[in-house]
Protein backbone atom coordinates (compact mmCIF):
# COMPACT_ATOMS: atom_id res chain seq x y z
CA UNK A 1 66.30 6.21 -55.73
CA UNK A 2 65.70 9.82 -57.07
CA UNK A 3 62.17 8.78 -57.32
CA UNK A 4 61.44 6.45 -54.70
CA UNK A 5 62.79 10.06 -53.15
CA UNK A 6 60.58 12.00 -55.15
CA UNK A 7 56.96 9.58 -53.74
CA UNK A 8 58.43 10.66 -50.13
CA UNK A 9 58.88 13.96 -50.55
CA UNK A 10 55.47 15.42 -51.72
CA UNK A 11 53.89 13.26 -49.07
CA UNK A 12 56.11 14.64 -46.01
CA UNK A 13 56.28 18.41 -47.95
CA UNK A 14 52.60 18.14 -47.48
CA UNK A 15 52.36 17.36 -44.13
CA UNK A 16 54.41 19.65 -43.01
CA UNK A 17 52.89 22.77 -44.88
CA UNK A 18 51.19 25.17 -42.44
CA UNK A 19 48.05 25.87 -41.75
CA UNK A 20 46.61 29.33 -41.76
CA UNK A 21 43.82 30.84 -39.69
CA UNK A 22 42.67 34.36 -39.43
CA UNK A 23 39.65 36.41 -38.58
CA UNK A 24 39.35 38.39 -41.39
CA UNK A 25 36.89 41.11 -39.45
CA UNK A 26 34.79 41.12 -36.44
CA UNK A 27 32.75 43.98 -35.66
CA UNK A 28 30.27 44.28 -33.08
CA UNK A 29 27.38 42.25 -35.56
CA UNK A 30 29.39 39.84 -36.77
CA UNK A 31 32.79 38.28 -38.31
CA UNK A 32 34.55 36.30 -40.65
CA UNK A 33 36.91 33.34 -40.10
CA UNK A 34 39.28 31.43 -42.49
CA UNK A 35 41.26 28.71 -42.30
CA UNK A 36 43.55 26.98 -44.66
CA UNK A 37 44.78 23.71 -44.45
CA UNK A 38 46.57 21.66 -47.04
CA UNK A 39 46.46 17.70 -47.21
CA UNK A 40 47.66 14.80 -49.80
CA UNK A 41 45.10 13.36 -51.15
CA UNK A 42 42.89 14.96 -54.43
CA UNK A 43 39.99 16.64 -53.93
CA UNK A 44 37.20 13.74 -54.46
CA UNK A 45 38.85 11.36 -51.84
CA UNK A 46 38.69 14.71 -49.53
CA UNK A 47 35.27 15.40 -50.11
CA UNK A 48 33.74 11.99 -49.53
CA UNK A 49 36.26 12.22 -45.93
CA UNK A 50 34.64 15.77 -45.70
CA UNK A 51 30.68 14.08 -46.21
CA UNK A 52 30.68 10.83 -45.47
CA UNK A 53 32.92 10.35 -43.05
CA UNK A 54 32.50 13.49 -40.04
CA UNK A 55 31.66 11.21 -37.09
CA UNK A 56 35.45 10.09 -37.90
CA UNK A 57 37.30 13.24 -38.25
CA UNK A 58 35.14 16.00 -35.86
CA UNK A 59 36.45 16.39 -32.51
CA UNK A 60 34.16 14.80 -30.10
CA UNK A 61 34.74 17.74 -27.77
CA UNK A 62 33.23 20.19 -30.21
CA UNK A 63 29.69 18.28 -29.93
CA UNK A 64 26.86 18.26 -27.89
CA UNK A 65 27.28 14.91 -26.64
CA UNK A 66 30.63 13.93 -27.18
CA UNK A 67 32.02 10.47 -27.51
CA UNK A 68 28.26 9.14 -28.02
CA UNK A 69 27.12 11.98 -30.48
CA UNK A 70 27.45 9.88 -34.27
CA UNK A 71 27.92 13.00 -36.09
CA UNK A 72 26.66 13.09 -40.25
CA UNK A 73 26.19 15.33 -43.77
CA UNK A 74 23.62 14.80 -45.88
CA UNK A 75 25.24 16.17 -48.67
CA UNK A 76 22.12 17.79 -50.57
CA UNK A 77 20.29 21.01 -50.59
CA UNK A 78 18.16 20.89 -47.50
CA UNK A 79 20.60 18.28 -45.93
CA UNK A 80 21.24 18.26 -42.48
CA UNK A 81 24.73 18.56 -40.68
CA UNK A 82 23.23 16.58 -37.86
CA UNK A 83 23.78 15.21 -35.02
CA UNK A 84 22.16 12.67 -32.82
CA UNK A 85 23.01 10.57 -29.32
CA UNK A 86 20.06 7.85 -29.41
CA UNK A 87 16.97 9.88 -28.57
CA UNK A 88 18.86 13.59 -28.51
CA UNK A 89 19.09 14.85 -31.75
CA UNK A 90 20.54 18.00 -33.08
CA UNK A 91 20.65 19.60 -36.51
CA UNK A 92 23.74 22.30 -36.23
CA UNK A 93 23.05 23.20 -39.43
CA UNK A 94 21.37 22.88 -43.34
CA UNK A 95 23.19 22.11 -45.87
CA UNK A 96 22.42 24.45 -48.05
CA UNK A 97 24.88 24.04 -51.87
CA UNK A 98 26.72 21.20 -52.56
CA UNK A 99 29.41 21.21 -55.71
CA UNK A 100 30.96 17.93 -55.23
CA UNK A 101 34.42 17.72 -55.14
CA UNK A 102 34.67 21.89 -54.64
CA UNK A 103 32.03 23.71 -52.27
CA UNK A 104 29.44 22.38 -49.68
CA UNK A 105 27.67 25.57 -48.07
CA UNK A 106 25.93 24.98 -44.96
CA UNK A 107 23.78 27.64 -43.02
CA UNK A 108 22.88 27.93 -39.27
CA UNK A 109 24.48 28.90 -35.83
CA UNK A 110 27.19 26.79 -34.56
CA UNK A 111 28.01 25.33 -30.73
CA UNK A 112 26.00 28.04 -28.93
CA UNK A 113 25.77 30.75 -31.59
CA UNK A 114 22.43 28.99 -32.41
CA UNK A 115 21.30 29.17 -28.72
CA UNK A 116 22.20 33.00 -28.79
CA UNK A 117 19.91 33.02 -31.88
CA UNK A 118 22.93 33.88 -34.40
CA UNK A 119 22.80 32.62 -38.00
CA UNK A 120 25.54 31.95 -40.39
CA UNK A 121 27.17 30.83 -43.92
CA UNK A 122 30.04 27.59 -43.33
CA UNK A 123 31.43 26.78 -46.54
CA UNK A 124 34.17 23.95 -47.16
CA UNK A 125 36.09 25.27 -50.54
CA UNK A 126 38.47 22.49 -52.50
CA UNK A 127 40.55 23.79 -54.60
CA UNK A 128 44.39 21.93 -55.87
CA UNK A 129 47.09 22.76 -54.31
CA UNK A 130 50.49 24.07 -55.94
CA UNK A 131 52.55 21.05 -56.00
CA UNK A 132 49.97 18.17 -55.69
CA UNK A 133 46.91 17.59 -53.14
CA UNK A 134 43.75 19.02 -51.93
CA UNK A 135 43.84 22.87 -49.65
CA UNK A 136 40.86 22.68 -47.90
CA UNK A 137 39.29 26.31 -46.62
CA UNK A 138 36.75 26.75 -43.78
CA UNK A 139 35.05 29.75 -44.97
CA UNK A 140 32.80 31.04 -41.57
CA UNK A 141 30.34 34.92 -41.95
CA UNK A 142 28.01 34.96 -38.80
CA UNK A 143 25.75 37.57 -37.07
CA UNK A 144 23.00 38.78 -36.49
CA UNK A 145 21.50 40.42 -32.95
CA UNK A 146 22.84 39.90 -29.75
CA UNK A 147 23.34 42.58 -26.93
CA UNK A 148 27.10 40.87 -26.50
CA UNK A 149 29.47 42.15 -28.90
CA UNK A 150 30.06 39.32 -31.55
CA UNK A 151 33.81 40.59 -32.15
CA UNK A 152 35.21 39.28 -29.11
CA UNK A 153 33.76 35.81 -29.97
CA UNK A 154 35.96 35.85 -33.45
CA UNK A 155 39.10 34.91 -31.82
CA UNK A 156 37.85 31.48 -30.40
CA UNK A 157 35.33 30.59 -33.07
CA UNK A 158 37.96 30.83 -35.13
CA UNK A 159 40.65 28.83 -32.99
CA UNK A 160 37.88 25.84 -33.02
CA UNK A 161 37.26 25.61 -36.37
CA UNK A 162 41.07 25.37 -36.86
CA UNK A 163 40.20 21.79 -34.36
CA UNK A 164 37.39 21.07 -36.83
CA UNK A 165 39.55 21.50 -40.27
CA UNK A 166 42.57 19.94 -38.75
CA UNK A 167 40.90 17.27 -37.71
CA UNK A 168 39.92 16.57 -41.07
CA UNK A 169 43.32 16.96 -42.05
CA UNK A 170 44.94 15.31 -40.09
CA UNK A 171 42.22 12.46 -40.83
CA UNK A 172 43.08 12.48 -44.35
CA UNK A 173 47.07 12.58 -43.66
CA UNK A 174 46.52 9.13 -42.21
CA UNK A 175 47.64 6.70 -44.60
CA UNK A 176 44.98 3.65 -45.61
CA UNK A 177 41.94 4.40 -43.58
């Protein structure tokens, strides 16, 4: 009985681990945001969902064409985090660094930042979590020239990225996908 209870406690604890979100810094020229979630799967399973199943967990309301969209990540240097909807296409980011099960780094401007001519470095960092599972950190540093004060964008980007990471975490928390 104790083994059954212990087996149920870890997944429950991991599901209840509060996410952390933070604007790390923000100036008129750029900002850094970081969000973290802990999930009850190992790094290999988290990696597979991150790169192979992005279309199943990325919030469609944070894509160019919503439910019509197909999202994909080609996890190789020079690969693409892309979205297609028929003939419509978008390259959200370019993959620049891949260390399977540990780090995926992409560069580019997400959403409206792309159209503003801004760029950034986004990393998904996977590490063992205390007590089991995997801690996933979504780190994004963006900047560039714009007549707008980018520090005002930081809280909004932080909130949106928390939603995106939560989409992955919630997907990984579901039993037997």
